[in-house]
PDB file of N, CA and C in Angstrom:
ATOM      1  N   MET A   1     -15.478  -3.003  22.871  1.00  0.00           N
ATOM      2  CA  MET A   1     -15.172  -2.106  21.770  1.00  0.00           C
ATOM      3  C   MET A   1     -14.321  -0.936  22.250  1.00  0.00           C
ATOM      4  N   SER A   2     -14.437  -0.587  23.494  1.00  0.00           N
ATOM      5  CA  SER A   2     -13.696   0.542  24.031  1.00  0.00           C
ATOM      6  C   SER A   2     -12.186   0.299  23.975  1.00  0.00           C
ATOM      7  N   ALA A   3     -11.778  -0.946  24.210  1.00  0.00           N
ATOM      8  CA  ALA A   3     -10.350  -1.253  24.158  1.00  0.00           C
ATOM      9  C   ALA A   3      -9.811  -1.083  22.741  1.00  0.00           C
ATOM     10  N   ASN A   4     -10.597  -1.505  21.743  1.00  0.00           N
ATOM     11  CA  ASN A   4     -10.174  -1.337  20.353  1.00  0.00           C
ATOM     12  C   ASN A   4     -10.078   0.140  19.984  1.00  0.00           C
ATOM     13  N   GLU A   5     -11.023   0.926  20.491  1.00  0.00           N
ATOM     14  CA  GLU A   5     -10.997   2.358  20.208  1.00  0.00           C
ATOM     15  C   GLU A   5      -9.790   3.023  20.860  1.00  0.00           C
ATOM     16  N   GLN A   6      -9.441   2.577  22.058  1.00  0.00           N
ATOM     17  CA  GLN A   6      -8.267   3.130  22.732  1.00  0.00           C
ATOM     18  C   GLN A   6      -6.989   2.778  21.982  1.00  0.00           C
ATOM     19  N   VAL A   7      -6.921   1.559  21.476  1.00  0.00           N
ATOM     20  CA  VAL A   7      -5.755   1.144  20.689  1.00  0.00           C
ATOM     21  C   VAL A   7      -5.668   1.959  19.407  1.00  0.00           C
ATOM     22  N   GLU A   8      -6.818   2.156  18.757  1.00  0.00           N
ATOM     23  CA  GLU A   8      -6.823   2.940  17.522  1.00  0.00           C
ATOM     24  C   GLU A   8      -6.481   4.402  17.801  1.00  0.00           C
ATOM     25  N   LEU A   9      -6.954   4.936  18.922  1.00  0.00           N
ATOM     26  CA  LEU A   9      -6.635   6.314  19.291  1.00  0.00           C
ATOM     27  C   LEU A   9      -5.136   6.477  19.518  1.00  0.00           C
ATOM     28  N   ALA A  10      -4.529   5.511  20.178  1.00  0.00           N
ATOM     29  CA  ALA A  10      -3.081   5.559  20.386  1.00  0.00           C
ATOM     30  C   ALA A  10      -2.340   5.489  19.052  1.00  0.00           C
ATOM     31  N   ALA A  11      -2.843   4.666  18.128  1.00  0.00           N
ATOM     32  CA  ALA A  11      -2.215   4.558  16.809  1.00  0.00           C
ATOM     33  C   ALA A  11      -2.352   5.861  16.028  1.00  0.00           C
ATOM     34  N   VAL A  12      -3.501   6.512  16.151  1.00  0.00           N
ATOM     35  CA  VAL A  12      -3.707   7.790  15.459  1.00  0.00           C
ATOM     36  C   VAL A  12      -2.766   8.849  16.026  1.00  0.00           C
ATOM     37  N   LYS A  13      -2.638   8.892  17.342  1.00  0.00           N
ATOM     38  CA  LYS A  13      -1.723   9.860  17.964  1.00  0.00           C
ATOM     39  C   LYS A  13      -0.285   9.611  17.524  1.00  0.00           C
ATOM     40  N   ARG A  14       0.105   8.340  17.465  1.00  0.00           N
ATOM     41  CA  ARG A  14       1.453   7.989  17.030  1.00  0.00           C
ATOM     42  C   ARG A  14       1.664   8.386  15.573  1.00  0.00           C
ATOM     43  N   SER A  15       0.648   8.184  14.740  1.00  0.00           N
ATOM     44  CA  SER A  15       0.739   8.579  13.332  1.00  0.00           C
ATOM     45  C   SER A  15       0.858  10.088  13.185  1.00  0.00           C
ATOM     46  N   MET A  16       0.165  10.828  14.045  1.00  0.00           N
ATOM     47  CA  MET A  16       0.265  12.286  13.993  1.00  0.00           C
ATOM     48  C   MET A  16       1.683  12.747  14.320  1.00  0.00           C
ATOM     49  N   VAL A  17       2.276  12.148  15.327  1.00  0.00           N
ATOM     50  CA  VAL A  17       3.645  12.518  15.702  1.00  0.00           C
ATOM     51  C   VAL A  17       4.615  12.167  14.582  1.00  0.00           C
ATOM     52  N   MET A  18       4.466  10.983  14.010  1.00  0.00           N
ATOM     53  CA  MET A  18       5.365  10.573  12.931  1.00  0.00           C
ATOM     54  C   MET A  18       5.199  11.466  11.705  1.00  0.00           C
ATOM     55  N   THR A  19       3.977  11.873  11.408  1.00  0.00           N
ATOM     56  CA  THR A  19       3.734  12.770  10.282  1.00  0.00           C
ATOM     57  C   THR A  19       4.409  14.111  10.523  1.00  0.00           C
ATOM     58  N   GLN A  20       4.347  14.601  11.746  1.00  0.00           N
ATOM     59  CA  GLN A  20       4.999  15.867  12.061  1.00  0.00           C
ATOM     60  C   GLN A  20       6.513  15.750  11.949  1.00  0.00           C
ATOM     61  N   VAL A  21       7.063  14.622  12.361  1.00  0.00           N
ATOM     62  CA  VAL A  21       8.510  14.420  12.253  1.00  0.00           C
ATOM     63  C   VAL A  21       8.933  14.346  10.788  1.00  0.00           C
ATOM     64  N   VAL A  22       8.156  13.627   9.978  1.00  0.00           N
ATOM     65  CA  VAL A  22       8.481  13.503   8.554  1.00  0.00           C
ATOM     66  C   VAL A  22       8.297  14.843   7.841  1.00  0.00           C
ATOM     67  N   GLY A  23       7.345  15.658   8.291  1.00  0.00           N
ATOM     68  CA  GLY A  23       7.086  16.948   7.661  1.00  0.00           C
ATOM     69  C   GLY A  23       8.036  18.052   8.078  1.00  0.00           C
ATOM     70  N   LEU A  24       8.827  17.834   9.116  1.00  0.00           N
ATOM     71  CA  LEU A  24       9.750  18.859   9.598  1.00  0.00           C
ATOM     72  C   LEU A  24      10.742  19.338   8.540  1.00  0.00           C
ATOM     73  N   PRO A  25      11.335  18.460   7.733  1.00  0.00           N
ATOM     74  CA  PRO A  25      12.248  18.961   6.694  1.00  0.00           C
ATOM     75  C   PRO A  25      11.583  19.927   5.721  1.00  0.00           C
ATOM     76  N   GLY A  26      10.301  19.754   5.461  1.00  0.00           N
ATOM     77  CA  GLY A  26       9.594  20.679   4.582  1.00  0.00           C
ATOM     78  C   GLY A  26       9.560  22.084   5.160  1.00  0.00           C
ATOM     79  N   THR A  27       9.296  22.164   6.445  1.00  0.00           N
ATOM     80  CA  THR A  27       9.270  23.464   7.113  1.00  0.00           C
ATOM     81  C   THR A  27      10.658  24.095   7.118  1.00  0.00           C
ATOM     82  N   ILE A  28      11.666  23.287   7.346  1.00  0.00           N
ATOM     83  CA  ILE A  28      13.042  23.790   7.328  1.00  0.00           C
ATOM     84  C   ILE A  28      13.413  24.268   5.930  1.00  0.00           C
ATOM     85  N   MET A  29      12.993  23.532   4.912  1.00  0.00           N
ATOM     86  CA  MET A  29      13.277  23.941   3.533  1.00  0.00           C
ATOM     87  C   MET A  29      12.602  25.269   3.208  1.00  0.00           C
ATOM     88  N   ILE A  30      11.376  25.448   3.655  1.00  0.00           N
ATOM     89  CA  ILE A  30      10.688  26.721   3.438  1.00  0.00           C
ATOM     90  C   ILE A  30      11.462  27.847   4.124  1.00  0.00           C
ATOM     91  N   GLY A  31      11.904  27.601   5.335  1.00  0.00           N
ATOM     92  CA  GLY A  31      12.672  28.609   6.069  1.00  0.00           C
ATOM     93  C   GLY A  31      13.960  28.990   5.364  1.00  0.00           C
ATOM     94  N   PHE A  32      14.707  27.999   4.894  1.00  0.00           N
ATOM     95  CA  PHE A  32      15.949  28.289   4.174  1.00  0.00           C
ATOM     96  C   PHE A  32      15.668  29.002   2.858  1.00  0.00           C
ATOM     97  N   GLY A  33      14.594  28.612   2.181  1.00  0.00           N
ATOM     98  CA  GLY A  33      14.244  29.272   0.922  1.00  0.00           C
ATOM     99  C   GLY A  33      13.921  30.741   1.122  1.00  0.00           C
ATOM    100  N   ILE A  34      13.139  31.031   2.143  1.00  0.00           N
ATOM    101  CA  ILE A  34      12.797  32.425   2.443  1.00  0.00           C
ATOM    102  C   ILE A  34      14.041  33.197   2.862  1.00  0.00           C
ATOM    103  N   TYR A  35      14.859  32.589   3.701  1.00  0.00           N
ATOM    104  CA  TYR A  35      16.080  33.268   4.140  1.00  0.00           C
ATOM    105  C   TYR A  35      17.010  33.532   2.962  1.00  0.00           C
ATOM    106  N   GLY A  36      17.111  32.574   2.052  1.00  0.00           N
ATOM    107  CA  GLY A  36      17.977  32.761   0.890  1.00  0.00           C
ATOM    108  C   GLY A  36      17.504  33.882  -0.016  1.00  0.00           C
ATOM    109  N   LEU A  37      16.200  34.037  -0.145  1.00  0.00           N
ATOM    110  CA  LEU A  37      15.665  35.095  -1.005  1.00  0.00           C
ATOM    111  C   LEU A  37      15.746  36.469  -0.353  1.00  0.00           C
ATOM    112  N   TRP A  38      15.483  36.536   0.936  1.00  0.00           N
ATOM    113  CA  TRP A  38      15.433  37.829   1.616  1.00  0.00           C
ATOM    114  C   TRP A  38      16.485  37.964   2.707  1.00  0.00           C
ATOM    115  N   GLY A  39      17.595  37.267   2.560  1.00  0.00           N
ATOM    116  CA  GLY A  39      18.661  37.333   3.555  1.00  0.00           C
ATOM    117  C   GLY A  39      19.612  38.491   3.358  1.00  0.00           C
ATOM    118  N   TYR A  40      19.374  39.311   2.347  1.00  0.00           N
ATOM    119  CA  TYR A  40      20.189  40.498   2.077  1.00  0.00           C
ATOM    120  C   TYR A  40      21.670  40.172   1.941  1.00  0.00           C
ATOM    121  N   GLY A  41      21.968  39.107   1.218  1.00  0.00           N
ATOM    122  CA  GLY A  41      23.354  38.762   0.919  1.00  0.00           C
ATOM    123  C   GLY A  41      24.099  38.066   2.039  1.00  0.00           C
ATOM    124  N   ARG A  42      23.434  37.699   3.095  1.00  0.00           N
ATOM    125  CA  ARG A  42      24.095  37.009   4.207  1.00  0.00           C
ATOM    126  C   ARG A  42      23.755  35.524   4.145  1.00  0.00           C
ATOM    127  N   GLU A  43      24.161  34.872   3.078  1.00  0.00           N
ATOM    128  CA  GLU A  43      23.833  33.466   2.889  1.00  0.00           C
ATOM    129  C   GLU A  43      24.596  32.605   3.897  1.00  0.00           C
ATOM    130  N   LEU A  44      23.937  31.599   4.373  1.00  0.00           N
ATOM    131  CA  LEU A  44      24.597  30.630   5.240  1.00  0.00           C
ATOM    132  C   LEU A  44      25.480  29.695   4.432  1.00  0.00           C
ATOM    133  N   HIS A  45      25.126  29.537   3.163  1.00  0.00           N
ATOM    134  CA  HIS A  45      25.851  28.641   2.268  1.00  0.00           C
ATOM    135  C   HIS A  45      25.736  29.208   0.866  1.00  0.00           C
ATOM    136  N   SER A  46      26.712  28.895   0.028  1.00  0.00           N
ATOM    137  CA  SER A  46      26.693  29.428  -1.335  1.00  0.00           C
ATOM    138  C   SER A  46      25.494  28.910  -2.136  1.00  0.00           C
ATOM    139  N   PHE A  47      24.930  27.791  -1.736  1.00  0.00           N
ATOM    140  CA  PHE A  47      23.737  27.242  -2.392  1.00  0.00           C
ATOM    141  C   PHE A  47      22.574  28.232  -2.328  1.00  0.00           C
ATOM    142  N   LEU A  48      22.500  28.985  -1.252  1.00  0.00           N
ATOM    143  CA  LEU A  48      21.399  29.925  -1.068  1.00  0.00           C
ATOM    144  C   LEU A  48      21.600  31.235  -1.824  1.00  0.00           C
ATOM    145  N   ALA A  49      22.757  31.410  -2.456  1.00  0.00           N
ATOM    146  CA  ALA A  49      23.019  32.640  -3.205  1.00  0.00           C
ATOM    147  C   ALA A  49      22.250  32.667  -4.524  1.00  0.00           C
ATOM    148  N   ASP A  50      21.899  31.505  -5.051  1.00  0.00           N
ATOM    149  CA  ASP A  50      21.179  31.422  -6.322  1.00  0.00           C
ATOM    150  C   ASP A  50      19.671  31.387  -6.051  1.00  0.00           C
ATOM    151  N   PRO A  51      18.925  32.359  -6.580  1.00  0.00           N
ATOM    152  CA  PRO A  51      17.475  32.383  -6.332  1.00  0.00           C
ATOM    153  C   PRO A  51      16.743  31.149  -6.852  1.00  0.00           C
ATOM    154  N   ILE A  52      17.255  30.530  -7.909  1.00  0.00           N
ATOM    155  CA  ILE A  52      16.608  29.317  -8.436  1.00  0.00           C
ATOM    156  C   ILE A  52      16.612  28.216  -7.376  1.00  0.00           C
ATOM    157  N   ASN A  53      17.718  28.084  -6.668  1.00  0.00           N
ATOM    158  CA  ASN A  53      17.785  27.086  -5.599  1.00  0.00           C
ATOM    159  C   ASN A  53      16.793  27.413  -4.486  1.00  0.00           C
ATOM    160  N   CYS A  54      16.668  28.688  -4.178  1.00  0.00           N
ATOM    161  CA  CYS A  54      15.729  29.105  -3.128  1.00  0.00           C
ATOM    162  C   CYS A  54      14.289  28.822  -3.540  1.00  0.00           C
ATOM    163  N   TYR A  55      13.967  29.097  -4.798  1.00  0.00           N
ATOM    164  CA  TYR A  55      12.614  28.795  -5.279  1.00  0.00           C
ATOM    165  C   TYR A  55      12.358  27.289  -5.258  1.00  0.00           C
ATOM    166  N   GLY A  56      13.380  26.514  -5.580  1.00  0.00           N
ATOM    167  CA  GLY A  56      13.246  25.059  -5.502  1.00  0.00           C
ATOM    168  C   GLY A  56      12.989  24.592  -4.080  1.00  0.00           C
ATOM    169  N   LEU A  57      13.719  25.178  -3.125  1.00  0.00           N
ATOM    170  CA  LEU A  57      13.488  24.839  -1.724  1.00  0.00           C
ATOM    171  C   LEU A  57      12.065  25.195  -1.299  1.00  0.00           C
ATOM    172  N   LEU A  58      11.602  26.363  -1.734  1.00  0.00           N
ATOM    173  CA  LEU A  58      10.237  26.770  -1.399  1.00  0.00           C
ATOM    174  C   LEU A  58       9.203  25.828  -2.009  1.00  0.00           C
ATOM    175  N   ALA A  59       9.421  25.428  -3.252  1.00  0.00           N
ATOM    176  CA  ALA A  59       8.459  24.554  -3.929  1.00  0.00           C
ATOM    177  C   ALA A  59       8.403  23.173  -3.275  1.00  0.00           C
ATOM    178  N   VAL A  60       9.554  22.568  -3.084  1.00  0.00           N
ATOM    179  CA  VAL A  60       9.584  21.221  -2.500  1.00  0.00           C
ATOM    180  C   VAL A  60       9.127  21.263  -1.043  1.00  0.00           C
ATOM    181  N   GLY A  61       9.603  22.252  -0.307  1.00  0.00           N
ATOM    182  CA  GLY A  61       9.178  22.398   1.084  1.00  0.00           C
ATOM    183  C   GLY A  61       7.686  22.646   1.198  1.00  0.00           C
ATOM    184  N   GLY A  62       7.149  23.428   0.271  1.00  0.00           N
ATOM    185  CA  GLY A  62       5.714  23.692   0.267  1.00  0.00           C
ATOM    186  C   GLY A  62       4.902  22.443  -0.009  1.00  0.00           C
ATOM    187  N   LEU A  63       5.383  21.615  -0.920  1.00  0.00           N
ATOM    188  CA  LEU A  63       4.683  20.355  -1.213  1.00  0.00           C
ATOM    189  C   LEU A  63       4.695  19.423  -0.004  1.00  0.00           C
ATOM    190  N   ILE A  64       5.839  19.354   0.658  1.00  0.00           N
ATOM    191  CA  ILE A  64       5.930  18.508   1.852  1.00  0.00           C
ATOM    192  C   ILE A  64       5.001  19.039   2.941  1.00  0.00           C
ATOM    193  N   ALA A  65       4.993  20.359   3.130  1.00  0.00           N
ATOM    194  CA  ALA A  65       4.122  20.961   4.145  1.00  0.00           C
ATOM    195  C   ALA A  65       2.647  20.762   3.798  1.00  0.00           C
ATOM    196  N   LEU A  66       2.310  20.832   2.522  1.00  0.00           N
ATOM    197  CA  LEU A  66       0.930  20.599   2.092  1.00  0.00           C
ATOM    198  C   LEU A  66       0.513  19.161   2.385  1.00  0.00           C
ATOM    199  N   TRP A  67       1.378  18.207   2.042  1.00  0.00           N
ATOM    200  CA  TRP A  67       1.097  16.800   2.335  1.00  0.00           C
ATOM    201  C   TRP A  67       0.901  16.607   3.839  1.00  0.00           C
ATOM    202  N   GLU A  68       1.794  17.205   4.624  1.00  0.00           N
ATOM    203  CA  GLU A  68       1.704  17.076   6.077  1.00  0.00           C
ATOM    204  C   GLU A  68       0.384  17.651   6.592  1.00  0.00           C
ATOM    205  N   SER A  69       0.001  18.799   6.088  1.00  0.00           N
ATOM    206  CA  SER A  69      -1.238  19.444   6.537  1.00  0.00           C
ATOM    207  C   SER A  69      -2.459  18.587   6.232  1.00  0.00           C
ATOM    208  N   ILE A  70      -2.516  18.056   5.028  1.00  0.00           N
ATOM    209  CA  ILE A  70      -3.654  17.215   4.643  1.00  0.00           C
ATOM    210  C   ILE A  70      -3.730  15.977   5.524  1.00  0.00           C
ATOM    211  N   LYS A  71      -2.595  15.340   5.743  1.00  0.00           N
ATOM    212  CA  LYS A  71      -2.569  14.122   6.556  1.00  0.00           C
ATOM    213  C   LYS A  71      -2.928  14.422   8.013  1.00  0.00           C
ATOM    214  N   ILE A  72      -2.410  15.517   8.553  1.00  0.00           N
ATOM    215  CA  ILE A  72      -2.704  15.879   9.942  1.00  0.00           C
ATOM    216  C   ILE A  72      -4.190  16.203  10.116  1.00  0.00           C
ATOM    217  N   ILE A  73      -4.782  16.883   9.148  1.00  0.00           N
ATOM    218  CA  ILE A  73      -6.209  17.210   9.238  1.00  0.00           C
ATOM    219  C   ILE A  73      -7.047  15.937   9.261  1.00  0.00           C
ATOM    220  N   LYS A  74      -6.717  14.981   8.394  1.00  0.00           N
ATOM    221  CA  LYS A  74      -7.453  13.709   8.379  1.00  0.00           C
ATOM    222  C   LYS A  74      -7.293  12.966   9.706  1.00  0.00           C
ATOM    223  N   LEU A  75      -6.065  12.929  10.215  1.00  0.00           N
ATOM    224  CA  LEU A  75      -5.825  12.238  11.479  1.00  0.00           C
ATOM    225  C   LEU A  75      -6.507  12.951  12.644  1.00  0.00           C
ATOM    226  N   ALA A  76      -6.540  14.270  12.611  1.00  0.00           N
ATOM    227  CA  ALA A  76      -7.192  15.025  13.686  1.00  0.00           C
ATOM    228  C   ALA A  76      -8.696  14.768  13.698  1.00  0.00           C
ATOM    229  N   LYS A  77      -9.296  14.668  12.511  1.00  0.00           N
ATOM    230  CA  LYS A  77     -10.725  14.347  12.442  1.00  0.00           C
ATOM    231  C   LYS A  77     -10.991  12.964  13.031  1.00  0.00           C
ATOM    232  N   ARG A  78     -10.151  12.002  12.670  1.00  0.00           N
ATOM    233  CA  ARG A  78     -10.330  10.639  13.186  1.00  0.00           C
ATOM    234  C   ARG A  78     -10.112  10.611  14.697  1.00  0.00           C
ATOM    235  N   ARG A  79      -9.128  11.353  15.170  1.00  0.00           N
ATOM    236  CA  ARG A  79      -8.857  11.423  16.607  1.00  0.00           C
ATOM    237  C   ARG A  79     -10.068  11.993  17.349  1.00  0.00           C
ATOM    238  N   LYS A  80     -10.656  13.037  16.806  1.00  0.00           N
ATOM    239  CA  LYS A  80     -11.837  13.651  17.424  1.00  0.00           C
ATOM    240  C   LYS A  80     -12.998  12.659  17.475  1.00  0.00           C
ATOM    241  N   GLN A  81     -13.202  11.901  16.386  1.00  0.00           N
ATOM    242  CA  GLN A  81     -14.265  10.897  16.367  1.00  0.00           C
ATOM    243  C   GLN A  81     -14.047   9.854  17.461  1.00  0.00           C
ATOM    244  N   LEU A  82     -12.823   9.378  17.572  1.00  0.00           N
ATOM    245  CA  LEU A  82     -12.526   8.352  18.572  1.00  0.00           C
ATOM    246  C   LEU A  82     -12.682   8.898  19.988  1.00  0.00           C
ATOM    247  N   GLU A  83     -12.226  10.122  20.215  1.00  0.00           N
ATOM    248  CA  GLU A  83     -12.368  10.708  21.546  1.00  0.00           C
ATOM    249  C   GLU A  83     -13.836  10.909  21.907  1.00  0.00           C
ATOM    250  N   ASP A  84     -14.650  11.296  20.927  1.00  0.00           N
ATOM    251  CA  ASP A  84     -16.086  11.449  21.178  1.00  0.00           C
ATOM    252  C   ASP A  84     -16.740  10.105  21.488  1.00  0.00           C
ATOM    253  N   GLN A  85     -16.322   9.048  20.792  1.00  0.00           N
ATOM    254  CA  GLN A  85     -16.877   7.719  21.046  1.00  0.00           C
ATOM    255  C   GLN A  85     -16.477   7.218  22.430  1.00  0.00           C
ATOM    256  N   LEU A  86     -15.251   7.506  22.833  1.00  0.00           N
ATOM    257  CA  LEU A  86     -14.796   7.066  24.149  1.00  0.00           C
ATOM    258  C   LEU A  86     -15.460   7.860  25.272  1.00  0.00           C
ATOM    259  N   ALA A  87     -15.860   9.088  24.990  1.00  0.00           N
ATOM    260  CA  ALA A  87     -16.488   9.924  26.018  1.00  0.00           C
ATOM    261  C   ALA A  87     -17.922   9.493  26.321  1.00  0.00           C
ATOM    262  N   LYS A  88     -18.532   8.766  25.401  1.00  0.00           N
ATOM    263  CA  LYS A  88     -19.931   8.335  25.596  1.00  0.00           C
ATOM    264  C   LYS A  88     -20.054   7.294  26.674  1.00  0.00           C
TER     265      LYS A  88
END
């Protein structure tokens, strides 16, 4: 059973990394949204000059970050369970 647990632990770790990679655009969107709102007129692109676009970036980025957080928490719990089982 230990070999199966090790395989599952590796799969959980791989899923955590992939979730973080997929969630990265959400964090970037949040960053651009905040910069667009409080950049004091120094927009990197004309898209960030409109506050509606910035709020959209914040909303979509926030949803992606929320999804990532929920998934990472579930995977971290499973990882902890597997590590505890392997330590026995």
